Amino acid sequence: MCNKNDMLETVHREIRKNIDQISTSIGAVPLFGAVGGSVSLNLANESSDIDFYLITSETFEKTSEVIIKHVYCPGIKLDFMCVPIDQLERACADYQKVSRFYPTRFYRNESETERIRKTRDVDRPDFKREMTARIFMADKIFEFVPGSVQKYYERLKKGLLLIDIWDSHFSRAYGNFYEKIVGNDNVLLRKYLYTISELTICYLLLTRKEKPAMNFERMFTPPYCPYTENVVVELCNKLWKDNREQRIDKAEYYIPAELQLNNWIEKQLEDMVVELKKKEAYMRSHYLLC
């Protein structure tokens, strides 16, 4: 069964229609990138913003910060997070130089964890390396320059080690669960959906050793769905449909805590760490394929 991400298709169509306006607005030559956030995971509703991770060909505006460009096209607003290829390449190479124990969040001190928690995603030191992985993990990569993905893959490959991609998703799932879900009577629906999707991406990376489908609906549709607990699968599908039907801002829609789902998530997180230890050598030595 094909689970289309209609909003993602719409965004790509609008980018193609307005590619000249977008390229002019960016202020540098756009190479390629991918839609991020809820749209990329087929979790968007009418209140969702549209974020786009964009790799450009050159450093511009004489800064090492992530440049955010808001582009208004007819009927659509796009937020482009722009980073030049040379900065991304350097960030990926620097990250791989450091020896790490995994999951890395288990080896942070409390002050480091608190600092990360209080810092915006784009301002975190590791954002550029993570942005590279998010682009190559996307179901659809948009090329402004044809052939640019293949051309620049080798330059960015050091940011695509499987264990580092797994670690990023695990860290987000773990943080969301223990900081935003556990112990609360009411939980933001989007926190459940993000936690479950990040967890499933981790599980698929470990068990199938290939790029997972970045589409929540497909993750929980047979035969692709990796889980056998029918009650949990049905509940996850219910939450997905509930989210699609909402018209209010995603930051305001809470649901009663699902204790059965909480118990399942907690067990999955625990089992994931055990499973990683069995496959760590493979994950440390293989990269996400282009």
C-alpha atoms as a PDB file:
ATOM      1  CA  MET A   1       0.000   0.000   0.000  1.00  0.00           C
ATOM      2  CA  CYS A   2       1.322   3.426  -0.973  1.00  0.00           C
ATOM      3  CA  ASN A   3       0.935   6.066   1.743  1.00  0.00           C
ATOM      4  CA  LYS A   4       1.331   9.408   0.012  1.00  0.00           C
ATOM      5  CA  ASN A   5       2.430  12.487   1.872  1.00  0.00           C
ATOM      6  CA  ASP A   6       0.090  14.930   0.131  1.00  0.00           C
ATOM      7  CA  MET A   7       1.369  18.053   1.861  1.00  0.00           C
ATOM      8  CA  LEU A   8       4.987  17.209   1.007  1.00  0.00           C
ATOM      9  CA  GLU A   9       3.996  16.720  -2.614  1.00  0.00           C
ATOM     10  CA  THR A  10       2.238  20.100  -2.580  1.00  0.00           C
ATOM     11  CA  VAL A  11       5.275  21.859  -1.108  1.00  0.00           C
ATOM     12  CA  HIS A  12       7.596  20.366  -3.747  1.00  0.00           C
ATOM     13  CA  ARG A  13       5.195  21.382  -6.486  1.00  0.00           C
ATOM     14  CA  GLU A  14       5.068  24.974  -5.210  1.00  0.00           C
ATOM     15  CA  ILE A  15       8.873  25.136  -4.941  1.00  0.00           C
ATOM     16  CA  ARG A  16       9.188  24.049  -8.584  1.00  0.00           C
ATOM     17  CA  LYS A  17       6.682  26.699  -9.653  1.00  0.00           C
ATOM     18  CA  ASN A  18       8.503  29.444  -7.738  1.00  0.00           C
ATOM     19  CA  ILE A  19      12.100  28.275  -8.060  1.00  0.00           C
ATOM     20  CA  ASP A  20      13.376  31.514  -9.587  1.00  0.00           C
ATOM     21  CA  GLN A  21      11.821  33.666  -6.846  1.00  0.00           C
ATOM     22  CA  ILE A  22      13.202  31.359  -4.164  1.00  0.00           C
ATOM     23  CA  SER A  23      16.712  31.345  -5.635  1.00  0.00           C
ATOM     24  CA  THR A  24      16.725  35.150  -5.776  1.00  0.00           C
ATOM     25  CA  SER A  25      15.436  35.457  -2.207  1.00  0.00           C
ATOM     26  CA  ILE A  26      18.083  33.137  -0.733  1.00  0.00           C
ATOM     27  CA  GLY A  27      21.031  35.373  -1.662  1.00  0.00           C
ATOM     28  CA  ALA A  28      23.267  32.427  -2.601  1.00  0.00           C
ATOM     29  CA  VAL A  29      23.078  29.607  -5.115  1.00  0.00           C
ATOM     30  CA  PRO A  30      20.793  26.865  -3.701  1.00  0.00           C
ATOM     31  CA  LEU A  31      22.075  23.338  -4.400  1.00  0.00           C
ATOM     32  CA  PHE A  32      19.693  20.887  -2.759  1.00  0.00           C
ATOM     33  CA  GLY A  33      17.776  20.248   0.444  1.00  0.00           C
ATOM     34  CA  ALA A  34      14.699  18.755   1.998  1.00  0.00           C
ATOM     35  CA  VAL A  35      11.529  19.708   3.810  1.00  0.00           C
ATOM     36  CA  GLY A  36      11.805  19.068   7.550  1.00  0.00           C
ATOM     37  CA  GLY A  37       9.580  19.079  10.620  1.00  0.00           C
ATOM     38  CA  SER A  38       6.055  17.714  10.704  1.00  0.00           C
ATOM     39  CA  VAL A  39       5.584  17.980   6.931  1.00  0.00           C
ATOM     40  CA  SER A  40       8.498  15.613   6.262  1.00  0.00           C
ATOM     41  CA  LEU A  41       7.008  12.953   8.545  1.00  0.00           C
ATOM     42  CA  ASN A  42       3.444  13.263   7.229  1.00  0.00           C
ATOM     43  CA  LEU A  43       2.398  14.681  10.590  1.00  0.00           C
ATOM     44  CA  ALA A  44       1.374  18.132   9.412  1.00  0.00           C
ATOM     45  CA  ASN A  45      -2.048  19.690   9.702  1.00  0.00           C
ATOM     46  CA  GLU A  46      -3.412  23.103   8.719  1.00  0.00           C
ATOM     47  CA  SER A  47      -1.487  24.869  11.500  1.00  0.00           C
ATOM     48  CA  SER A  48       1.933  23.507  10.517  1.00  0.00           C
ATOM     49  CA  ASP A  49       4.869  25.651   9.429  1.00  0.00           C
ATOM     50  CA  ILE A  50       6.973  24.575   6.454  1.00  0.00           C
ATOM     51  CA  ASP A  51      10.695  24.292   7.235  1.00  0.00           C
ATOM     52  CA  PHE A  52      13.268  23.522   4.561  1.00  0.00           C
ATOM     53  CA  TYR A  53      16.893  22.509   5.172  1.00  0.00           C
ATOM     54  CA  LEU A  54      18.876  24.033   2.309  1.00  0.00           C
ATOM     55  CA  ILE A  55      22.503  23.554   1.258  1.00  0.00           C
ATOM     56  CA  THR A  56      23.947  26.465  -0.700  1.00  0.00           C
ATOM     57  CA  SER A  57      27.077  26.690  -2.825  1.00  0.00           C
ATOM     58  CA  GLU A  58      28.910  29.422  -0.991  1.00  0.00           C
ATOM     59  CA  THR A  59      29.343  31.182   2.307  1.00  0.00           C
ATOM     60  CA  PHE A  60      27.275  34.351   2.405  1.00  0.00           C
ATOM     61  CA  GLU A  61      26.602  37.259   4.745  1.00  0.00           C
ATOM     62  CA  LYS A  62      30.006  36.576   6.381  1.00  0.00           C
ATOM     63  CA  THR A  63      28.634  34.475   9.211  1.00  0.00           C
ATOM     64  CA  SER A  64      28.914  30.927  10.469  1.00  0.00           C
ATOM     65  CA  GLU A  65      25.367  31.014  11.837  1.00  0.00           C
ATOM     66  CA  VAL A  66      22.492  29.217  10.154  1.00  0.00           C
ATOM     67  CA  ILE A  67      20.772  31.808   7.964  1.00  0.00           C
ATOM     68  CA  ILE A  68      16.977  31.617   8.000  1.00  0.00           C
ATOM     69  CA  LYS A  69      15.217  33.063   4.984  1.00  0.00           C
ATOM     70  CA  HIS A  70      11.435  33.500   5.021  1.00  0.00           C
ATOM     71  CA  VAL A  71      10.135  33.266   1.468  1.00  0.00           C
ATOM     72  CA  TYR A  72       6.536  34.136   0.648  1.00  0.00           C
ATOM     73  CA  CYS A  73       5.250  32.503  -2.516  1.00  0.00           C
ATOM     74  CA  PRO A  74       1.629  32.692  -3.727  1.00  0.00           C
ATOM     75  CA  GLY A  75      -0.384  30.763  -1.150  1.00  0.00           C
ATOM     76  CA  ILE A  76       2.593  29.392   0.768  1.00  0.00           C
ATOM     77  CA  LYS A  77       5.267  30.560   3.237  1.00  0.00           C
ATOM     78  CA  LEU A  78       8.578  28.696   3.348  1.00  0.00           C
ATOM     79  CA  ASP A  79      11.245  28.979   6.042  1.00  0.00           C
ATOM     80  CA  PHE A  80      14.624  28.068   4.545  1.00  0.00           C
ATOM     81  CA  MET A  81      17.446  27.147   6.945  1.00  0.00           C
ATOM     82  CA  CYS A  82      20.480  27.832   4.788  1.00  0.00           C
ATOM     83  CA  VAL A  83      24.026  26.540   5.311  1.00  0.00           C
ATOM     84  CA  PRO A  84      26.861  26.600   2.739  1.00  0.00           C
ATOM     85  CA  ILE A  85      28.333  23.308   1.574  1.00  0.00           C
ATOM     86  CA  ASP A  86      31.804  24.116   2.938  1.00  0.00           C
ATOM     87  CA  GLN A  87      30.464  24.726   6.458  1.00  0.00           C
ATOM     88  CA  LEU A  88      28.472  21.480   6.408  1.00  0.00           C
ATOM     89  CA  GLU A  89      31.468  19.512   5.181  1.00  0.00           C
ATOM     90  CA  ARG A  90      33.626  20.911   7.974  1.00  0.00           C
ATOM     91  CA  ALA A  91      30.963  20.214  10.630  1.00  0.00           C
ATOM     92  CA  CYS A  92      30.605  16.585   9.496  1.00  0.00           C
ATOM     93  CA  ALA A  93      34.360  16.011   9.436  1.00  0.00           C
ATOM     94  CA  ASP A  94      34.890  17.609  12.862  1.00  0.00           C
ATOM     95  CA  TYR A  95      32.141  15.499  14.420  1.00  0.00           C
ATOM     96  CA  GLN A  96      33.669  12.244  13.192  1.00  0.00           C
ATOM     97  CA  LYS A  97      37.088  13.119  14.635  1.00  0.00           C
ATOM     98  CA  VAL A  98      35.793  12.729  18.211  1.00  0.00           C
ATOM     99  CA  SER A  99      35.516   9.273  19.809  1.00  0.00           C
ATOM    100  CA  ARG A 100      32.125   8.691  21.469  1.00  0.00           C
ATOM    101  CA  PHE A 101      30.188   6.237  23.590  1.00  0.00           C
ATOM    102  CA  TYR A 102      26.579   5.561  22.568  1.00  0.00           C
ATOM    103  CA  PRO A 103      23.865   6.538  23.241  1.00  0.00           C
ATOM    104  CA  THR A 104      25.693   9.847  23.700  1.00  0.00           C
ATOM    105  CA  ARG A 105      22.978  11.400  25.866  1.00  0.00           C
ATOM    106  CA  PHE A 106      23.772   8.843  28.585  1.00  0.00           C
ATOM    107  CA  TYR A 107      27.292  10.271  28.807  1.00  0.00           C
ATOM    108  CA  ARG A 108      26.417  13.957  29.134  1.00  0.00           C
ATOM    109  CA  ASN A 109      26.626  15.732  32.442  1.00  0.00           C
ATOM    110  CA  GLU A 110      23.540  17.451  33.813  1.00  0.00           C
ATOM    111  CA  SER A 111      24.628  20.981  32.885  1.00  0.00           C
ATOM    112  CA  GLU A 112      25.275  19.965  29.262  1.00  0.00           C
ATOM    113  CA  THR A 113      21.871  18.314  29.009  1.00  0.00           C
ATOM    114  CA  GLU A 114      20.200  21.402  30.469  1.00  0.00           C
ATOM    115  CA  ARG A 115      22.041  23.710  28.087  1.00  0.00           C
ATOM    116  CA  ILE A 116      20.948  21.669  25.068  1.00  0.00           C
ATOM    117  CA  ARG A 117      17.371  21.588  26.343  1.00  0.00           C
ATOM    118  CA  LYS A 118      17.249  25.388  26.533  1.00  0.00           C
ATOM    119  CA  THR A 119      18.868  26.016  23.144  1.00  0.00           C
ATOM    120  CA  ARG A 120      16.949  26.288  19.881  1.00  0.00           C
ATOM    121  CA  ASP A 121      17.532  23.461  17.439  1.00  0.00           C
ATOM    122  CA  VAL A 122      19.316  25.671  14.887  1.00  0.00           C
ATOM    123  CA  ASP A 123      21.596  27.165  17.554  1.00  0.00           C
ATOM    124  CA  ARG A 124      22.928  23.872  18.889  1.00  0.00           C
ATOM    125  CA  PRO A 125      26.596  23.143  18.076  1.00  0.00           C
ATOM    126  CA  ASP A 126      25.735  19.893  16.287  1.00  0.00           C
ATOM    127  CA  PHE A 127      22.900  21.268  14.167  1.00  0.00           C
ATOM    128  CA  LYS A 128      24.834  21.445  10.885  1.00  0.00           C
ATOM    129  CA  ARG A 129      25.920  17.811  11.021  1.00  0.00           C
ATOM    130  CA  GLU A 130      22.373  16.801  11.977  1.00  0.00           C
ATOM    131  CA  MET A 131      20.948  18.934   9.181  1.00  0.00           C
ATOM    132  CA  THR A 132      23.047  16.992   6.688  1.00  0.00           C
ATOM    133  CA  ALA A 133      21.649  13.703   7.986  1.00  0.00           C
ATOM    134  CA  ARG A 134      18.078  15.008   7.970  1.00  0.00           C
ATOM    135  CA  ILE A 135      18.388  15.953   4.305  1.00  0.00           C
ATOM    136  CA  PHE A 136      19.759  12.576   3.230  1.00  0.00           C
ATOM    137  CA  MET A 137      17.212  10.740   5.396  1.00  0.00           C
ATOM    138  CA  ALA A 138      14.316  12.538   3.700  1.00  0.00           C
ATOM    139  CA  ASP A 139      11.913  10.595   1.500  1.00  0.00           C
ATOM    140  CA  LYS A 140      12.287  13.309  -1.127  1.00  0.00           C
ATOM    141  CA  ILE A 141      15.345  15.511  -1.679  1.00  0.00           C
ATOM    142  CA  PHE A 142      14.769  18.596  -3.811  1.00  0.00           C
ATOM    143  CA  GLU A 143      17.587  19.481  -6.225  1.00  0.00           C
ATOM    144  CA  PHE A 144      17.822  23.096  -7.310  1.00  0.00           C
ATOM    145  CA  VAL A 145      20.942  22.092  -9.250  1.00  0.00           C
ATOM    146  CA  PRO A 146      20.380  18.753 -11.029  1.00  0.00           C
ATOM    147  CA  GLY A 147      22.854  16.072  -9.962  1.00  0.00           C
ATOM    148  CA  SER A 148      24.016  17.998  -6.890  1.00  0.00           C
ATOM    149  CA  VAL A 149      23.008  15.305  -4.370  1.00  0.00           C
ATOM    150  CA  GLN A 150      25.250  12.696  -5.967  1.00  0.00           C
ATOM    151  CA  LYS A 151      27.984  15.245  -6.620  1.00  0.00           C
ATOM    152  CA  TYR A 152      28.286  16.342  -2.974  1.00  0.00           C
ATOM    153  CA  TYR A 153      27.489  13.046  -1.217  1.00  0.00           C
ATOM    154  CA  GLU A 154      31.137  12.065  -0.706  1.00  0.00           C
ATOM    155  CA  ARG A 155      31.969  15.485   0.744  1.00  0.00           C
ATOM    156  CA  LEU A 156      29.204  15.124   3.336  1.00  0.00           C
ATOM    157  CA  LYS A 157      29.425  11.375   3.937  1.00  0.00           C
ATOM    158  CA  LYS A 158      31.181  11.725   7.312  1.00  0.00           C
ATOM    159  CA  GLY A 159      27.942  13.162   8.672  1.00  0.00           C
ATOM    160  CA  LEU A 160      25.997  10.082   7.590  1.00  0.00           C
ATOM    161  CA  LEU A 161      27.423   7.357   9.820  1.00  0.00           C
ATOM    162  CA  LEU A 162      24.514   5.089  10.791  1.00  0.00           C
ATOM    163  CA  ILE A 163      25.283   5.129  14.498  1.00  0.00           C
ATOM    164  CA  ASP A 164      25.270   8.944  14.595  1.00  0.00           C
ATOM    165  CA  ILE A 165      21.951   9.116  12.756  1.00  0.00           C
ATOM    166  CA  TRP A 166      20.509   6.496  15.115  1.00  0.00           C
ATOM    167  CA  ASP A 167      21.883   8.391  18.101  1.00  0.00           C
ATOM    168  CA  SER A 168      20.261  11.677  17.082  1.00  0.00           C
ATOM    169  CA  HIS A 169      16.831  10.101  16.699  1.00  0.00           C
ATOM    170  CA  PHE A 170      17.199   8.091  19.897  1.00  0.00           C
ATOM    171  CA  SER A 171      18.180  11.193  21.843  1.00  0.00           C
ATOM    172  CA  ARG A 172      15.106  13.082  20.644  1.00  0.00           C
ATOM    173  CA  ALA A 173      12.769  10.172  21.381  1.00  0.00           C
ATOM    174  CA  TYR A 174      14.276   9.671  24.842  1.00  0.00           C
ATOM    175  CA  GLY A 175      14.175  13.379  25.677  1.00  0.00           C
ATOM    176  CA  ASN A 176      10.616  13.849  24.478  1.00  0.00           C
ATOM    177  CA  PHE A 177       9.415  10.828  26.432  1.00  0.00           C
ATOM    178  CA  TYR A 178      11.067  11.517  29.780  1.00  0.00           C
ATOM    179  CA  GLU A 179      10.767  15.307  29.673  1.00  0.00           C
ATOM    180  CA  LYS A 180       7.371  15.859  28.019  1.00  0.00           C
ATOM    181  CA  ILE A 181       5.307  12.697  28.473  1.00  0.00           C
ATOM    182  CA  VAL A 182       6.165  10.695  31.603  1.00  0.00           C
ATOM    183  CA  GLY A 183       4.272  11.798  34.704  1.00  0.00           C
ATOM    184  CA  ASN A 184       1.816  14.068  32.873  1.00  0.00           C
ATOM    185  CA  ASP A 185      -1.931  13.549  32.935  1.00  0.00           C
ATOM    186  CA  ASN A 186      -2.260  15.371  29.608  1.00  0.00           C
ATOM    187  CA  VAL A 187       0.268  15.252  26.782  1.00  0.00           C
ATOM    188  CA  LEU A 188       0.719  17.313  23.629  1.00  0.00           C
ATOM    189  CA  LEU A 189      -0.432  15.067  20.808  1.00  0.00           C
ATOM    190  CA  ARG A 190       2.530  16.127  18.683  1.00  0.00           C
ATOM    191  CA  LYS A 191       4.939  14.976  21.415  1.00  0.00           C
ATOM    192  CA  TYR A 192       3.482  11.494  21.230  1.00  0.00           C
ATOM    193  CA  LEU A 193       3.699  11.484  17.441  1.00  0.00           C
ATOM    194  CA  TYR A 194       7.264  12.790  17.318  1.00  0.00           C
ATOM    195  CA  THR A 195       8.424  10.401  20.030  1.00  0.00           C
ATOM    196  CA  ILE A 196       6.872   7.397  18.318  1.00  0.00           C
ATOM    197  CA  SER A 197       8.228   8.363  14.900  1.00  0.00           C
ATOM    198  CA  GLU A 198      11.776   8.960  16.196  1.00  0.00           C
ATOM    199  CA  LEU A 199      11.630   5.634  18.044  1.00  0.00           C
ATOM    200  CA  THR A 200      10.447   3.803  14.955  1.00  0.00           C
ATOM    201  CA  ILE A 201      13.174   5.338  12.816  1.00  0.00           C
ATOM    202  CA  CYS A 202      15.724   4.018  15.326  1.00  0.00           C
ATOM    203  CA  TYR A 203      14.140   0.574  15.292  1.00  0.00           C
ATOM    204  CA  LEU A 204      14.090   0.399  11.496  1.00  0.00           C
ATOM    205  CA  LEU A 205      17.715   1.550  11.207  1.00  0.00           C
ATOM    206  CA  LEU A 206      18.791  -1.224  13.566  1.00  0.00           C
ATOM    207  CA  THR A 207      16.644  -4.053  12.248  1.00  0.00           C
ATOM    208  CA  ARG A 208      16.570  -3.382   8.503  1.00  0.00           C
ATOM    209  CA  LYS A 209      19.898  -1.574   8.061  1.00  0.00           C
ATOM    210  CA  GLU A 210      18.460   0.710   5.392  1.00  0.00           C
ATOM    211  CA  LYS A 211      16.963   4.162   5.158  1.00  0.00           C
ATOM    212  CA  PRO A 212      13.530   4.051   6.833  1.00  0.00           C
ATOM    213  CA  ALA A 213      10.402   5.515   5.306  1.00  0.00           C
ATOM    214  CA  MET A 214      10.043   8.994   6.816  1.00  0.00           C
ATOM    215  CA  ASN A 215       6.270   8.830   6.825  1.00  0.00           C
ATOM    216  CA  PHE A 216       4.329   8.122  10.019  1.00  0.00           C
ATOM    217  CA  GLU A 217       1.321   6.655   8.229  1.00  0.00           C
ATOM    218  CA  ARG A 218       3.475   4.188   6.303  1.00  0.00           C
ATOM    219  CA  MET A 219       5.406   3.250   9.462  1.00  0.00           C
ATOM    220  CA  PHE A 220       2.152   1.893  10.905  1.00  0.00           C
ATOM    221  CA  THR A 221       0.689   0.324   7.766  1.00  0.00           C
ATOM    222  CA  PRO A 222       1.280  -3.385   6.963  1.00  0.00           C
ATOM    223  CA  PRO A 223       3.354  -4.876   5.492  1.00  0.00           C
ATOM    224  CA  TYR A 224       5.906  -2.121   6.146  1.00  0.00           C
ATOM    225  CA  CYS A 225       5.006  -1.689   9.830  1.00  0.00           C
ATOM    226  CA  PRO A 226       7.681  -3.445  11.937  1.00  0.00           C
ATOM    227  CA  TYR A 227       5.504  -3.994  15.014  1.00  0.00           C
ATOM    228  CA  THR A 228       3.266  -6.932  15.885  1.00  0.00           C
ATOM    229  CA  GLU A 229       1.420  -5.413  18.875  1.00  0.00           C
ATOM    230  CA  ASN A 230      -1.933  -4.775  17.190  1.00  0.00           C
ATOM    231  CA  VAL A 231      -3.338  -2.666  20.022  1.00  0.00           C
ATOM    232  CA  VAL A 232      -0.356  -0.301  19.905  1.00  0.00           C
ATOM    233  CA  VAL A 233      -0.427  -0.105  16.100  1.00  0.00           C
ATOM    234  CA  GLU A 234      -4.128   0.738  16.125  1.00  0.00           C
ATOM    235  CA  LEU A 235      -3.609   3.391  18.796  1.00  0.00           C
ATOM    236  CA  CYS A 236      -0.772   5.009  16.847  1.00  0.00           C
ATOM    237  CA  ASN A 237      -2.938   5.124  13.728  1.00  0.00           C
ATOM    238  CA  LYS A 238      -5.754   6.684  15.755  1.00  0.00           C
ATOM    239  CA  LEU A 239      -3.425   9.410  17.037  1.00  0.00           C
ATOM    240  CA  TRP A 240      -2.202  10.091  13.486  1.00  0.00           C
ATOM    241  CA  LYS A 241      -5.755  10.488  12.172  1.00  0.00           C
ATOM    242  CA  ASP A 242      -6.697  12.671  15.144  1.00  0.00           C
ATOM    243  CA  ASN A 243      -3.782  14.977  14.384  1.00  0.00           C
ATOM    244  CA  ARG A 244      -4.709  15.250  10.691  1.00  0.00           C
ATOM    245  CA  GLU A 245      -8.214  16.380  11.573  1.00  0.00           C
ATOM    246  CA  GLN A 246      -7.187  19.111  14.010  1.00  0.00           C
ATOM    247  CA  ARG A 247      -7.495  22.764  13.047  1.00  0.00           C
ATOM    248  CA  ILE A 248      -5.995  24.290  16.194  1.00  0.00           C
ATOM    249  CA  ASP A 249      -2.316  25.012  16.680  1.00  0.00           C
ATOM    250  CA  LYS A 250      -0.290  21.850  17.322  1.00  0.00           C
ATOM    251  CA  ALA A 251       1.304  23.506  20.372  1.00  0.00           C
ATOM    252  CA  GLU A 252      -2.091  23.737  22.045  1.00  0.00           C
ATOM    253  CA  TYR A 253      -3.689  20.341  21.426  1.00  0.00           C
ATOM    254  CA  TYR A 254      -3.360  18.048  24.442  1.00  0.00           C
ATOM    255  CA  ILE A 255      -4.803  14.575  24.917  1.00  0.00           C
ATOM    256  CA  PRO A 256      -5.122  12.400  28.047  1.00  0.00           C
ATOM    257  CA  ALA A 257      -1.991  10.347  28.677  1.00  0.00           C
ATOM    258  CA  GLU A 258      -2.141   6.874  27.146  1.00  0.00           C
ATOM    259  CA  LEU A 259      -0.630   4.652  29.840  1.00  0.00           C
ATOM    260  CA  GLN A 260      -0.505   1.570  27.630  1.00  0.00           C
ATOM    261  CA  LEU A 261       1.373   3.556  25.002  1.00  0.00           C
ATOM    262  CA  ASN A 262       3.694   4.992  27.660  1.00  0.00           C
ATOM    263  CA  ASN A 263       4.603   1.504  28.853  1.00  0.00           C
ATOM    264  CA  TRP A 264       5.271   0.382  25.290  1.00  0.00           C
ATOM    265  CA  ILE A 265       7.494   3.387  24.520  1.00  0.00           C
ATOM    266  CA  GLU A 266       9.485   2.882  27.696  1.00  0.00           C
ATOM    267  CA  LYS A 267      10.102  -0.791  26.898  1.00  0.00           C
ATOM    268  CA  GLN A 268      11.062   0.053  23.318  1.00  0.00           C
ATOM    269  CA  LEU A 269      13.640   2.574  24.522  1.00  0.00           C
ATOM    270  CA  GLU A 270      15.134   0.050  26.929  1.00  0.00           C
ATOM    271  CA  ASP A 271      15.222  -2.737  24.341  1.00  0.00           C
ATOM    272  CA  MET A 272      16.743  -0.382  21.761  1.00  0.00           C
ATOM    273  CA  VAL A 273      19.839   0.199  23.878  1.00  0.00           C
ATOM    274  CA  VAL A 274      20.325  -3.551  24.264  1.00  0.00           C
ATOM    275  CA  GLU A 275      19.886  -4.084  20.528  1.00  0.00           C
ATOM    276  CA  LEU A 276      22.358  -1.319  19.701  1.00  0.00           C
ATOM    277  CA  LYS A 277      25.089  -3.075  21.689  1.00  0.00           C
ATOM    278  CA  LYS A 278      24.622  -6.180  19.532  1.00  0.00           C
ATOM    279  CA  LYS A 279      24.937  -4.224  16.281  1.00  0.00           C
ATOM    280  CA  GLU A 280      27.213  -1.378  17.326  1.00  0.00           C
ATOM    281  CA  ALA A 281      30.191  -2.520  15.255  1.00  0.00           C
ATOM    282  CA  TYR A 282      28.080  -2.501  12.088  1.00  0.00           C
ATOM    283  CA  MET A 283      26.494   0.849  12.872  1.00  0.00           C
ATOM    284  CA  ARG A 284      29.906   2.398  13.546  1.00  0.00           C
ATOM    285  CA  SER A 285      31.323   1.244  10.214  1.00  0.00           C
ATOM    286  CA  HIS A 286      28.498   1.852   7.728  1.00  0.00           C
ATOM    287  CA  TYR A 287      27.045   4.998   6.202  1.00  0.00           C
ATOM    288  CA  LEU A 288      23.609   5.937   4.965  1.00  0.00           C
ATOM    289  CA  LEU A 289      23.605   5.295   1.225  1.00  0.00           C
ATOM    290  CA  CYS A 290      22.792   8.100  -1.162  1.00  0.00           C
END
